[in-house]
Amino acid sequence: MSTSISGLKTPAPRVLLYDGDARVREGLAALLGRVGLEVQATDDRAQALAAAMRPGLSVAVVDVDTPDPEAGFALLRELQSLGSGLRSVALLARPTFAAAAEACRCGAVDVVAKAPENVGYLTDTIRRLTRQPAPSLRPVSEGLRRAVELQEQLLRALIEASRSATPTAARSTAEPDSGAASPRTCVILVVDDEPRTAEGLQRALGRQAGYQVISVVSGGEALDYVGQSEFDLALIKEGLPDLPSSMVARSLRAQANDGIVIRFTHPTTGRPGRADIVEVDRSIEFIPVLSSGEQLVEQLHALRKGLAAKQVERRYLEQFRTEHVELLQRYAEVRQELLGALGDADP
């Protein structure tokens, strides 16, 4: 693919996409292709490095979790060490501030959470980076001076972001009965044709502030609910009267942003129940032996605190990226300039 400028054809900007999920590779490659970019998509590390070494590559989009964070961060460092002016964007499936900071240290000029609502931002970022000229090389002393200045600015920005995020974190993670500022109401959707489950949960949680229990008795009702409202936790009974519980759980999980979906079986006489957290591609053991409602309530309360902490972490990351994205980009560019200058200075 090429573009025409004043009658002269110029090659389309080239983008490397490294991701272990074939659906993500195909979807994003098609999307970027429609906006005039040439995309090489791969889940092979050697192919990614080979593509980065060829001239003309503008941007590399790296899924940090392919195949695991340690390898993803290592690839970002290798791409930066090429000193070719290539800019990297890191994708995070589980965005935390620690992971975002590490991605920036490894050379990423931006960090984007892997979520449907971020596709537009990611596309715009890639297009903007392909239009920017590669950073020029400066003498080593100049690069060192600018690196020190930017590190000081980054440190000050981190301190300011921490100060502004601390009150939010305190409010969101406060214990319901601690006397601290109240956290946001936790909405629990119970999908069970036995109404006593939701009723018992409401009675147990009613003694603690900050919970709202929504009861539906079928999978169809659950799907209708999530089409109009959000939830924080969803409890789906195994063996619904109308739809397979597995299908309902996957549908709810696909539509939830930070919401957690749990499939469970009731304990019966002589036989315990169990509960598992449903992810997009797998299930995670939550309560392998479920013996009582009190046990479930205790575990849900602990899960809620973890969910609140995750929400704070995500807000912190989004706030920092929004306020300081230009600083992070300049920081990564200076590191590239310095590495390039050091390479030229070596005998």
Protein backbone atom coordinates (compact mmCIF):
# COMPACT_ATOMS: atom_id res chain seq x y z
CA MET A 1 0.00 0.00 0.00
CA SER A 2 1.24 3.50 -0.80
CA THR A 3 0.07 7.08 -0.68
CA SER A 4 0.39 9.78 -3.31
CA ILE A 5 1.93 13.19 -2.60
CA SER A 6 2.04 15.66 -5.49
CA GLY A 7 1.80 12.79 -7.95
CA LEU A 8 4.63 10.83 -6.29
CA LYS A 9 3.83 7.58 -4.53
CA THR A 10 5.30 7.16 -1.07
CA PRO A 11 5.30 3.92 0.93
CA ALA A 12 2.62 3.60 3.60
CA PRO A 13 3.92 3.83 7.18
CA ARG A 14 4.77 0.38 8.51
CA VAL A 15 3.55 -0.87 11.88
CA LEU A 16 4.58 -4.01 13.75
CA LEU A 17 1.86 -5.71 15.82
CA TYR A 18 3.04 -8.34 18.31
CA ASP A 19 0.21 -10.15 20.11
CA GLY A 20 -0.49 -13.76 21.03
CA ASP A 21 -4.24 -13.46 20.40
CA ALA A 22 -5.03 -14.12 16.74
CA ARG A 23 -8.35 -12.26 17.02
CA VAL A 24 -6.61 -9.12 18.26
CA ARG A 25 -3.97 -9.35 15.52
CA GLU A 26 -6.51 -9.79 12.74
CA GLY A 27 -8.94 -7.17 14.01
CA LEU A 28 -6.36 -4.48 14.69
CA ALA A 29 -4.45 -5.18 11.47
CA ALA A 30 -7.66 -4.77 9.46
CA LEU A 31 -8.52 -1.57 11.31
CA LEU A 32 -5.08 -0.02 10.78
CA GLY A 33 -5.06 -1.13 7.16
CA ARG A 34 -8.25 0.81 6.54
CA VAL A 35 -6.57 4.03 7.71
CA GLY A 36 -3.65 3.61 5.32
CA LEU A 37 -1.06 1.77 7.40
CA GLU A 38 0.88 -1.33 6.41
CA VAL A 39 0.77 -3.83 9.27
CA GLN A 40 2.96 -6.84 9.97
CA ALA A 41 1.24 -8.90 12.68
CA THR A 42 2.93 -11.79 14.44
CA ASP A 43 3.09 -13.73 17.68
CA ASP A 44 6.64 -14.90 17.00
CA ARG A 45 9.40 -13.04 18.85
CA ALA A 46 12.08 -13.75 16.24
CA GLN A 47 9.84 -12.48 13.44
CA ALA A 48 9.06 -9.34 15.44
CA LEU A 49 12.75 -8.55 15.94
CA ALA A 50 13.54 -9.28 12.30
CA ALA A 51 10.78 -6.89 11.20
CA ALA A 52 12.08 -4.21 13.56
CA MET A 53 15.57 -4.46 12.07
CA ARG A 54 14.34 -3.77 8.56
CA PRO A 55 14.30 -0.10 7.49
CA GLY A 56 11.06 1.82 7.38
CA LEU A 57 9.27 0.52 10.47
CA SER A 58 7.62 3.42 12.34
CA VAL A 59 5.77 1.94 15.31
CA ALA A 60 5.74 -1.35 17.22
CA VAL A 61 2.65 -2.32 19.21
CA VAL A 62 3.63 -4.92 21.81
CA ASP A 63 1.26 -6.97 23.96
CA VAL A 64 3.26 -7.20 27.17
CA ASP A 65 1.54 -10.46 28.17
CA THR A 66 2.79 -12.34 25.06
CA PRO A 67 3.73 -14.90 26.13
CA ASP A 68 4.21 -13.46 29.66
CA PRO A 69 5.08 -10.03 31.14
CA GLU A 70 8.76 -10.83 31.66
CA ALA A 71 9.18 -11.71 27.99
CA GLY A 72 7.05 -8.76 26.89
CA PHE A 73 9.14 -6.25 28.82
CA ALA A 74 12.31 -7.88 27.49
CA LEU A 75 11.08 -7.44 23.91
CA LEU A 76 10.37 -3.75 24.56
CA ARG A 77 13.94 -3.34 25.81
CA GLU A 78 15.34 -5.11 22.76
CA LEU A 79 13.32 -2.93 20.40
CA GLN A 80 14.57 0.18 22.16
CA SER A 81 18.18 -1.02 22.06
CA LEU A 82 18.06 -1.08 18.25
CA GLY A 83 18.43 2.71 18.36
CA SER A 84 16.53 3.11 15.09
CA GLY A 85 14.01 5.69 16.27
CA LEU A 86 11.30 3.02 16.42
CA ARG A 87 8.52 3.95 18.85
CA SER A 88 6.81 1.25 20.90
CA VAL A 89 3.30 1.21 22.36
CA ALA A 90 2.63 -1.30 25.15
CA LEU A 91 -0.69 -3.14 25.49
CA LEU A 92 -1.69 -4.32 28.97
CA ALA A 93 -4.46 -6.84 29.58
CA ARG A 94 -4.32 -6.13 33.32
CA PRO A 95 -3.31 -2.49 33.61
CA THR A 96 -1.58 -1.57 36.86
CA PHE A 97 0.58 1.42 37.61
CA ALA A 98 3.60 -0.80 38.30
CA ALA A 99 3.26 -2.51 34.90
CA ALA A 100 2.76 0.82 33.11
CA ALA A 101 5.82 2.33 34.78
CA GLU A 102 7.91 -0.72 33.85
CA ALA A 103 6.74 -0.51 30.23
CA CYS A 104 7.84 3.12 30.09
CA ARG A 105 11.22 2.24 31.59
CA CYS A 106 11.58 -0.39 28.86
CA GLY A 107 11.01 2.22 26.16
CA ALA A 108 7.24 2.38 25.53
CA VAL A 109 6.07 5.88 24.58
CA ASP A 110 2.49 5.05 25.60
CA VAL A 111 0.64 2.35 27.54
CA VAL A 112 -2.88 1.30 26.57
CA ALA A 113 -5.22 -1.07 28.40
CA LYS A 114 -6.58 -3.86 26.19
CA ALA A 115 -10.27 -3.00 26.21
CA PRO A 116 -12.82 -2.36 23.44
CA GLU A 117 -13.32 1.25 24.53
CA ASN A 118 -9.60 1.97 23.95
CA VAL A 119 -9.47 0.86 20.29
CA GLY A 120 -10.10 4.39 19.02
CA TYR A 121 -7.44 5.89 21.26
CA LEU A 122 -4.93 3.20 20.24
CA THR A 123 -5.59 3.76 16.53
CA ASP A 124 -5.23 7.53 16.87
CA THR A 125 -2.01 7.12 18.85
CA ILE A 126 -0.45 4.82 16.25
CA ARG A 127 -1.40 7.17 13.39
CA ARG A 128 0.02 10.16 15.26
CA LEU A 129 3.30 8.36 15.98
CA THR A 130 3.73 7.32 12.34
CA ARG A 131 3.49 10.99 11.32
CA GLN A 132 6.14 12.17 13.77
CA PRO A 133 9.77 12.30 12.60
CA ALA A 134 12.19 9.93 14.26
CA PRO A 135 14.16 11.55 17.10
CA SER A 136 17.50 12.89 15.95
CA LEU A 137 20.78 11.91 17.57
CA ARG A 138 22.54 14.47 19.75
CA PRO A 139 25.97 14.46 21.37
CA VAL A 140 26.23 12.22 24.44
CA SER A 141 26.60 15.13 26.86
CA GLU A 142 23.44 16.80 25.55
CA GLY A 143 21.50 13.56 25.73
CA LEU A 144 22.64 12.95 29.29
CA ARG A 145 21.64 16.46 30.33
CA ARG A 146 18.17 16.12 28.82
CA ALA A 147 17.74 12.64 30.35
CA VAL A 148 18.51 13.98 33.82
CA GLU A 149 16.09 16.88 33.37
CA LEU A 150 13.30 14.59 32.19
CA GLN A 151 13.88 12.11 35.01
CA GLU A 152 13.45 14.94 37.50
CA GLN A 153 10.24 16.07 35.77
CA LEU A 154 8.93 12.51 35.72
CA LEU A 155 9.63 12.11 39.42
CA ARG A 156 7.79 15.34 40.23
CA ALA A 157 4.85 14.25 38.05
CA LEU A 158 4.68 10.91 39.85
CA ILE A 159 4.65 12.64 43.22
CA GLU A 160 1.85 14.99 42.13
CA ALA A 161 -0.19 12.12 40.69
CA SER A 162 0.29 10.14 43.91
CA ARG A 163 -0.93 13.04 46.00
CA SER A 164 -4.08 13.49 43.92
CA ALA A 165 -4.79 9.74 43.76
CA THR A 166 -4.36 9.05 47.48
CA PRO A 167 -7.72 10.52 48.62
CA THR A 168 -9.53 8.55 45.91
CA ALA A 169 -7.79 5.34 46.94
CA ALA A 170 -8.66 5.92 50.57
CA ARG A 171 -12.32 6.46 49.75
CA SER A 172 -12.59 3.48 47.41
CA THR A 173 -10.89 0.92 49.64
CA ALA A 174 -12.37 2.04 52.95
CA GLU A 175 -13.97 -0.69 55.04
CA PRO A 176 -17.78 -0.38 55.02
CA ASP A 177 -17.86 -0.19 58.82
CA SER A 178 -14.56 1.63 59.42
CA GLY A 179 -16.01 5.11 59.71
CA ALA A 180 -13.98 6.29 56.71
CA ALA A 181 -15.60 7.83 53.65
CA SER A 182 -18.06 5.39 52.08
CA PRO A 183 -16.95 3.44 48.98
CA ARG A 184 -19.06 3.23 45.85
CA THR A 185 -22.02 0.86 46.11
CA CYS A 186 -21.12 -2.66 45.02
CA VAL A 187 -23.86 -4.07 42.77
CA ILE A 188 -24.23 -7.86 43.01
CA LEU A 189 -26.32 -9.54 40.32
CA VAL A 190 -27.67 -12.93 41.47
CA VAL A 191 -28.86 -15.22 38.65
CA ASP A 192 -30.70 -18.06 40.38
CA ASP A 193 -34.19 -19.52 40.00
CA GLU A 194 -34.22 -20.05 43.77
CA PRO A 195 -35.10 -16.60 45.20
CA ARG A 196 -33.85 -17.55 48.66
CA THR A 197 -30.26 -17.21 47.44
CA ALA A 198 -30.58 -13.50 46.73
CA GLU A 199 -32.77 -12.98 49.79
CA GLY A 200 -30.23 -14.62 52.09
CA LEU A 201 -27.40 -12.67 50.51
CA GLN A 202 -29.31 -9.41 50.93
CA ARG A 203 -29.96 -10.16 54.62
CA ALA A 204 -26.32 -11.03 55.26
CA LEU A 205 -24.91 -8.06 53.37
CA GLY A 206 -27.58 -5.71 54.68
CA ARG A 207 -25.64 -5.50 57.91
CA GLN A 208 -22.77 -3.94 55.97
CA ALA A 209 -23.13 -0.69 54.06
CA GLY A 210 -22.37 -0.32 50.38
CA TYR A 211 -24.02 -3.38 48.80
CA GLN A 212 -27.00 -3.67 46.45
CA VAL A 213 -28.30 -7.12 45.51
CA ILE A 214 -30.21 -7.51 42.22
CA SER A 215 -32.12 -10.78 41.77
CA VAL A 216 -33.10 -12.36 38.45
CA VAL A 217 -34.39 -15.91 38.06
CA SER A 218 -33.26 -16.81 34.53
CA GLY A 219 -30.43 -16.39 32.07
CA GLY A 220 -32.63 -14.35 29.76
CA GLU A 221 -33.37 -11.85 32.53
CA ALA A 222 -29.66 -11.60 33.28
CA LEU A 223 -28.83 -10.78 29.66
CA ASP A 224 -31.60 -8.17 29.59
CA TYR A 225 -30.23 -6.61 32.77
CA VAL A 226 -26.64 -6.26 31.56
CA GLY A 227 -27.90 -4.74 28.32
CA GLN A 228 -29.16 -1.78 30.32
CA SER A 229 -27.23 -1.69 33.62
CA GLU A 230 -23.81 -2.50 35.07
CA PHE A 231 -22.74 -4.81 37.87
CA ASP A 232 -19.65 -5.33 39.99
CA LEU A 233 -20.15 -9.00 40.89
CA ALA A 234 -22.41 -11.55 39.19
CA LEU A 235 -23.31 -14.88 40.80
CA ILE A 236 -24.68 -17.38 38.27
CA LYS A 237 -26.16 -20.65 39.46
CA GLU A 238 -25.17 -23.81 37.62
CA GLY A 239 -28.28 -25.22 35.97
CA LEU A 240 -30.57 -22.35 35.00
CA PRO A 241 -34.09 -23.13 33.73
CA ASP A 242 -33.76 -21.50 30.30
CA LEU A 243 -30.17 -21.08 29.11
CA PRO A 244 -26.85 -22.86 29.75
CA SER A 245 -25.09 -21.22 32.69
CA SER A 246 -21.79 -21.32 30.82
CA MET A 247 -23.23 -19.28 27.95
CA VAL A 248 -24.78 -16.72 30.31
CA ALA A 249 -21.50 -16.42 32.22
CA ARG A 250 -19.46 -15.86 29.05
CA SER A 251 -21.93 -13.27 27.79
CA LEU A 252 -21.87 -11.34 31.05
CA ARG A 253 -18.08 -11.54 31.19
CA ALA A 254 -17.77 -10.20 27.64
CA GLN A 255 -19.97 -7.21 28.46
CA ALA A 256 -18.42 -6.42 31.85
CA ASN A 257 -15.58 -3.93 32.14
CA ASP A 258 -14.23 -4.46 35.64
CA GLY A 259 -17.12 -6.70 36.74
CA ILE A 260 -16.38 -10.18 38.08
CA VAL A 261 -18.51 -13.17 37.02
CA ILE A 262 -18.82 -16.24 39.26
CA ARG A 263 -20.49 -19.57 38.49
CA PHE A 264 -21.54 -21.58 41.53
CA THR A 265 -23.34 -24.71 42.67
CA HIS A 266 -25.35 -24.89 45.89
CA PRO A 267 -24.10 -27.13 48.69
CA THR A 268 -26.47 -30.02 49.41
CA THR A 269 -26.70 -32.58 52.17
CA GLY A 270 -23.49 -34.57 52.09
CA ARG A 271 -22.13 -32.71 49.07
CA PRO A 272 -20.41 -29.31 49.09
CA GLY A 273 -20.87 -26.74 46.38
CA ARG A 274 -18.17 -24.76 44.61
CA ALA A 275 -17.60 -21.39 42.95
CA ASP A 276 -15.32 -20.38 40.07
CA ILE A 277 -14.46 -17.00 38.59
CA VAL A 278 -15.16 -16.89 34.85
CA GLU A 279 -12.62 -15.22 32.57
CA VAL A 280 -12.88 -14.79 28.81
CA ASP A 281 -10.89 -17.93 28.01
CA ARG A 282 -10.77 -19.88 31.27
CA SER A 283 -12.17 -20.36 34.77
CA ILE A 284 -10.29 -19.64 37.99
CA GLU A 285 -10.95 -21.60 41.17
CA PHE A 286 -12.57 -19.28 43.73
CA ILE A 287 -14.17 -21.47 46.42
CA PRO A 288 -13.36 -25.13 45.72
CA VAL A 289 -15.44 -26.34 48.67
CA LEU A 290 -18.50 -24.16 49.31
CA SER A 291 -20.22 -25.31 52.48
CA SER A 292 -22.38 -22.40 53.63
CA GLY A 293 -23.83 -19.02 52.77
CA GLU A 294 -21.69 -17.41 55.47
CA GLN A 295 -18.57 -18.67 53.70
CA LEU A 296 -19.75 -17.17 50.41
CA VAL A 297 -20.50 -13.80 52.04
CA GLU A 298 -17.05 -13.69 53.63
CA GLN A 299 -15.33 -14.42 50.32
CA LEU A 300 -17.47 -11.88 48.44
CA HIS A 301 -16.53 -9.22 50.96
CA ALA A 302 -12.82 -9.96 50.42
CA LEU A 303 -13.35 -9.99 46.65
CA ARG A 304 -15.03 -6.60 46.81
CA LYS A 305 -12.00 -5.06 48.51
CA GLY A 306 -9.75 -6.48 45.80
CA LEU A 307 -12.09 -5.15 43.11
CA ALA A 308 -12.02 -1.67 44.68
CA ALA A 309 -8.22 -1.72 44.71
CA LYS A 310 -8.16 -2.75 41.04
CA GLN A 311 -10.50 0.10 40.13
CA VAL A 312 -8.27 2.58 41.97
CA GLU A 313 -5.22 1.23 40.13
CA ARG A 314 -6.93 1.63 36.76
CA ARG A 315 -8.10 5.17 37.55
CA TYR A 316 -4.58 6.03 38.70
CA LEU A 317 -3.08 4.72 35.45
CA GLU A 318 -5.61 6.52 33.25
CA GLN A 319 -5.16 9.76 35.18
CA PHE A 320 -1.38 9.62 34.95
CA ARG A 321 -1.40 8.75 31.24
CA THR A 322 -3.89 11.52 30.46
CA GLU A 323 -1.97 14.19 32.35
CA HIS A 324 1.58 13.14 31.51
CA VAL A 325 1.50 11.29 28.18
CA GLU A 326 3.68 13.92 26.47
CA LEU A 327 6.25 13.64 29.24
CA LEU A 328 6.37 9.85 28.90
CA GLN A 329 6.83 10.13 25.14
CA ARG A 330 9.66 12.65 25.52
CA TYR A 331 11.27 10.46 28.17
CA ALA A 332 11.28 7.46 25.83
CA GLU A 333 12.60 9.54 22.92
CA VAL A 334 15.48 10.90 24.99
CA ARG A 335 16.42 7.37 26.03
CA GLN A 336 16.49 6.38 22.35
CA GLU A 337 18.62 9.38 21.47
CA LEU A 338 21.03 8.61 24.29
CA LEU A 339 21.36 4.96 23.30
CA GLY A 340 21.97 5.96 19.69
CA ALA A 341 24.55 8.55 20.68
CA LEU A 342 26.33 6.09 22.95
CA GLY A 343 26.39 3.58 20.11
CA ASP A 344 27.98 6.15 17.78
CA ALA A 345 30.52 7.07 20.43
CA ASP A 346 31.73 3.49 20.94
CA PRO A 347 35.03 2.80 19.13
